[in-house]
Amino acid sequence: MRYILSAMLTVVGIIHLLPLGGVLGVARLQALYDVTITDPNLEIVMRHRAVLFGILGAFLIYAAFRPGLQLAALIAGAVSVISFLVIAGMVGGYNTGIARVVTADIIAVVCLLIGAFAYWKDRATLGVTG
């Protein structure tokens, strides 16, 4: 079960690392999200978002091999992807670039659910409670 959890956290980490290229500039952000960015304020926010996703992705992959961090990684990953899916669903009308992100986040949710089950099963097998 531990290997399944590590694999799932790694997949979710890689999904979170994909936007990191956006830190390189507007052209990459526009390609990632199929949006036009002409406002420098939006560029700053989006490039910073890319950095934050890189940090979270790196943490998820690191935690994949650090059992003491795996629960925190599952929670952080779930908050990230579920919040995006909820916001995308509430706003609606998104383009094909955002639709790709929605698809990636659905895959990430499935991986996190599998990982959470593996985490729970591993702890139950070891007789750990709480």
C-alpha atoms as a PDB file:
ATOM      1  CA  MET A   1       0.000   0.000   0.000  1.00  0.00           C
ATOM      2  CA  ARG A   2       2.863   2.360   0.760  1.00  0.00           C
ATOM      3  CA  TYR A   3       4.093   2.078  -2.834  1.00  0.00           C
ATOM      4  CA  ILE A   4       0.632   2.905  -4.167  1.00  0.00           C
ATOM      5  CA  LEU A   5       0.472   5.985  -1.952  1.00  0.00           C
ATOM      6  CA  SER A   6       3.935   7.079  -3.069  1.00  0.00           C
ATOM      7  CA  ALA A   7       3.004   6.587  -6.718  1.00  0.00           C
ATOM      8  CA  MET A   8      -0.231   8.566  -6.364  1.00  0.00           C
ATOM      9  CA  LEU A   9       1.465  11.462  -4.565  1.00  0.00           C
ATOM     10  CA  THR A  10       4.140  11.508  -7.260  1.00  0.00           C
ATOM     11  CA  VAL A  11       1.540  11.686 -10.042  1.00  0.00           C
ATOM     12  CA  VAL A  12      -0.288  14.522  -8.273  1.00  0.00           C
ATOM     13  CA  GLY A  13       3.052  16.247  -7.688  1.00  0.00           C
ATOM     14  CA  ILE A  14       3.896  16.060 -11.381  1.00  0.00           C
ATOM     15  CA  ILE A  15       0.473  17.475 -12.265  1.00  0.00           C
ATOM     16  CA  HIS A  16       1.215  20.390  -9.929  1.00  0.00           C
ATOM     17  CA  LEU A  17       4.666  20.917 -11.463  1.00  0.00           C
ATOM     18  CA  LEU A  18       3.294  21.310 -14.997  1.00  0.00           C
ATOM     19  CA  PRO A  19       2.327  25.007 -14.588  1.00  0.00           C
ATOM     20  CA  LEU A  20       5.804  25.855 -13.253  1.00  0.00           C
ATOM     21  CA  GLY A  21       6.882  26.783 -16.772  1.00  0.00           C
ATOM     22  CA  GLY A  22       4.564  29.787 -16.503  1.00  0.00           C
ATOM     23  CA  VAL A  23       7.131  31.514 -14.333  1.00  0.00           C
ATOM     24  CA  LEU A  24       9.184  32.025 -17.509  1.00  0.00           C
ATOM     25  CA  GLY A  25       6.752  34.574 -18.878  1.00  0.00           C
ATOM     26  CA  VAL A  26       3.538  35.534 -20.580  1.00  0.00           C
ATOM     27  CA  ALA A  27       4.013  33.372 -23.677  1.00  0.00           C
ATOM     28  CA  ARG A  28       4.182  30.201 -21.607  1.00  0.00           C
ATOM     29  CA  LEU A  29       1.224  31.235 -19.432  1.00  0.00           C
ATOM     30  CA  GLN A  30      -0.862  31.987 -22.509  1.00  0.00           C
ATOM     31  CA  ALA A  31       0.002  28.580 -23.963  1.00  0.00           C
ATOM     32  CA  LEU A  32      -0.798  26.795 -20.695  1.00  0.00           C
ATOM     33  CA  TYR A  33      -4.181  28.374 -20.085  1.00  0.00           C
ATOM     34  CA  ASP A  34      -5.230  29.557 -23.564  1.00  0.00           C
ATOM     35  CA  VAL A  35      -5.664  33.109 -22.259  1.00  0.00           C
ATOM     36  CA  THR A  36      -4.398  36.520 -23.305  1.00  0.00           C
ATOM     37  CA  ILE A  37      -2.445  38.335 -20.631  1.00  0.00           C
ATOM     38  CA  THR A  38      -1.900  42.019 -21.332  1.00  0.00           C
ATOM     39  CA  ASP A  39      -2.216  43.413 -17.816  1.00  0.00           C
ATOM     40  CA  PRO A  40       1.139  43.382 -15.964  1.00  0.00           C
ATOM     41  CA  ASN A  41      -0.724  42.863 -12.677  1.00  0.00           C
ATOM     42  CA  LEU A  42      -2.310  39.683 -13.990  1.00  0.00           C
ATOM     43  CA  GLU A  43       1.099  38.566 -15.275  1.00  0.00           C
ATOM     44  CA  ILE A  44       2.577  38.999 -11.802  1.00  0.00           C
ATOM     45  CA  VAL A  45      -0.247  37.038 -10.171  1.00  0.00           C
ATOM     46  CA  MET A  46      -0.101  34.232 -12.737  1.00  0.00           C
ATOM     47  CA  ARG A  47       3.680  33.902 -12.627  1.00  0.00           C
ATOM     48  CA  HIS A  48       3.557  33.826  -8.831  1.00  0.00           C
ATOM     49  CA  ARG A  49       0.827  31.170  -9.065  1.00  0.00           C
ATOM     50  CA  ALA A  50       3.248  29.111 -11.170  1.00  0.00           C
ATOM     51  CA  VAL A  51       5.870  29.359  -8.429  1.00  0.00           C
ATOM     52  CA  LEU A  52       3.372  28.282  -5.769  1.00  0.00           C
ATOM     53  CA  PHE A  53       2.342  25.286  -7.847  1.00  0.00           C
ATOM     54  CA  GLY A  54       6.000  24.379  -8.220  1.00  0.00           C
ATOM     55  CA  ILE A  55       6.450  24.490  -4.456  1.00  0.00           C
ATOM     56  CA  LEU A  56       3.362  22.361  -3.877  1.00  0.00           C
ATOM     57  CA  GLY A  57       4.378  19.899  -6.587  1.00  0.00           C
ATOM     58  CA  ALA A  58       7.854  19.527  -5.111  1.00  0.00           C
ATOM     59  CA  PHE A  59       6.362  19.013  -1.639  1.00  0.00           C
ATOM     60  CA  LEU A  60       3.977  16.335  -2.906  1.00  0.00           C
ATOM     61  CA  ILE A  61       6.820  14.429  -4.561  1.00  0.00           C
ATOM     62  CA  TYR A  62       9.065  14.812  -1.502  1.00  0.00           C
ATOM     63  CA  ALA A  63       6.254  13.642   0.778  1.00  0.00           C
ATOM     64  CA  ALA A  64       5.703  10.606  -1.434  1.00  0.00           C
ATOM     65  CA  PHE A  65       8.867   9.189   0.129  1.00  0.00           C
ATOM     66  CA  ARG A  66       8.450  10.623   3.644  1.00  0.00           C
ATOM     67  CA  PRO A  67       5.674   8.744   5.466  1.00  0.00           C
ATOM     68  CA  GLY A  68       5.460  11.399   8.174  1.00  0.00           C
ATOM     69  CA  LEU A  69       4.460  14.013   5.589  1.00  0.00           C
ATOM     70  CA  GLN A  70       2.054  11.946   3.519  1.00  0.00           C
ATOM     71  CA  LEU A  71      -1.151  12.903   5.326  1.00  0.00           C
ATOM     72  CA  ALA A  72      -0.269  16.596   5.036  1.00  0.00           C
ATOM     73  CA  ALA A  73       0.485  16.079   1.333  1.00  0.00           C
ATOM     74  CA  LEU A  74      -2.836  14.334   0.745  1.00  0.00           C
ATOM     75  CA  ILE A  75      -4.660  17.208   2.426  1.00  0.00           C
ATOM     76  CA  ALA A  76      -2.698  19.932   0.614  1.00  0.00           C
ATOM     77  CA  GLY A  77      -3.175  18.233  -2.738  1.00  0.00           C
ATOM     78  CA  ALA A  78      -6.891  17.753  -2.106  1.00  0.00           C
ATOM     79  CA  VAL A  79      -7.411  21.383  -1.087  1.00  0.00           C
ATOM     80  CA  SER A  80      -5.584  22.521  -4.219  1.00  0.00           C
ATOM     81  CA  VAL A  81      -7.428  20.431  -6.779  1.00  0.00           C
ATOM     82  CA  ILE A  82     -10.870  20.425  -5.187  1.00  0.00           C
ATOM     83  CA  SER A  83     -10.858  24.195  -4.705  1.00  0.00           C
ATOM     84  CA  PHE A  84      -9.961  24.705  -8.370  1.00  0.00           C
ATOM     85  CA  LEU A  85     -12.661  22.297  -9.523  1.00  0.00           C
ATOM     86  CA  VAL A  86     -15.268  23.994  -7.332  1.00  0.00           C
ATOM     87  CA  ILE A  87     -14.304  27.464  -8.567  1.00  0.00           C
ATOM     88  CA  ALA A  88     -14.256  26.319 -12.207  1.00  0.00           C
ATOM     89  CA  GLY A  89     -17.674  24.740 -11.733  1.00  0.00           C
ATOM     90  CA  MET A  90     -19.120  27.829 -10.056  1.00  0.00           C
ATOM     91  CA  VAL A  91     -17.789  30.237 -12.671  1.00  0.00           C
ATOM     92  CA  GLY A  92     -18.297  27.994 -15.716  1.00  0.00           C
ATOM     93  CA  GLY A  93     -17.823  29.090 -19.313  1.00  0.00           C
ATOM     94  CA  TYR A  94     -14.110  28.307 -19.306  1.00  0.00           C
ATOM     95  CA  ASN A  95     -11.989  27.790 -22.399  1.00  0.00           C
ATOM     96  CA  THR A  96     -10.189  24.690 -23.672  1.00  0.00           C
ATOM     97  CA  GLY A  97      -7.015  25.575 -21.770  1.00  0.00           C
ATOM     98  CA  ILE A  98      -8.840  25.669 -18.463  1.00  0.00           C
ATOM     99  CA  ALA A  99     -10.762  22.530 -19.488  1.00  0.00           C
ATOM    100  CA  ARG A 100      -7.370  20.771 -19.715  1.00  0.00           C
ATOM    101  CA  VAL A 101      -6.609  21.901 -16.160  1.00  0.00           C
ATOM    102  CA  VAL A 102     -10.019  20.648 -15.016  1.00  0.00           C
ATOM    103  CA  THR A 103      -9.279  17.268 -16.602  1.00  0.00           C
ATOM    104  CA  ALA A 104      -5.841  17.122 -14.956  1.00  0.00           C
ATOM    105  CA  ASP A 105      -7.381  18.005 -11.595  1.00  0.00           C
ATOM    106  CA  ILE A 106     -10.018  15.293 -11.953  1.00  0.00           C
ATOM    107  CA  ILE A 107      -7.185  12.825 -12.550  1.00  0.00           C
ATOM    108  CA  ALA A 108      -5.425  14.267  -9.494  1.00  0.00           C
ATOM    109  CA  VAL A 109      -8.571  13.807  -7.352  1.00  0.00           C
ATOM    110  CA  VAL A 110      -8.795  10.167  -8.401  1.00  0.00           C
ATOM    111  CA  CYS A 111      -5.106   9.685  -7.541  1.00  0.00           C
ATOM    112  CA  LEU A 112      -5.606  11.383  -4.179  1.00  0.00           C
ATOM    113  CA  LEU A 113      -8.584   9.154  -3.389  1.00  0.00           C
ATOM    114  CA  ILE A 114      -6.541   6.061  -4.250  1.00  0.00           C
ATOM    115  CA  GLY A 115      -3.660   7.440  -2.191  1.00  0.00           C
ATOM    116  CA  ALA A 116      -5.929   8.209   0.768  1.00  0.00           C
ATOM    117  CA  PHE A 117      -7.328   4.676   0.644  1.00  0.00           C
ATOM    118  CA  ALA A 118      -3.790   3.259   0.538  1.00  0.00           C
ATOM    119  CA  TYR A 119      -2.799   5.518   3.457  1.00  0.00           C
ATOM    120  CA  TRP A 120      -5.798   4.380   5.505  1.00  0.00           C
ATOM    121  CA  LYS A 121      -5.287   0.705   4.578  1.00  0.00           C
ATOM    122  CA  ASP A 122      -1.578   0.836   5.451  1.00  0.00           C
ATOM    123  CA  ARG A 123      -2.302   2.413   8.839  1.00  0.00           C
ATOM    124  CA  ALA A 124      -5.087  -0.105   9.522  1.00  0.00           C
ATOM    125  CA  THR A 125      -2.745  -2.989   8.652  1.00  0.00           C
ATOM    126  CA  LEU A 126      -0.177  -1.621  11.097  1.00  0.00           C
ATOM    127  CA  GLY A 127      -2.845  -1.214  13.766  1.00  0.00           C
ATOM    128  CA  VAL A 128      -2.357   2.566  13.955  1.00  0.00           C
ATOM    129  CA  THR A 129      -5.364   4.568  15.094  1.00  0.00           C
ATOM    130  CA  GLY A 130      -6.065   8.275  14.960  1.00  0.00           C
END
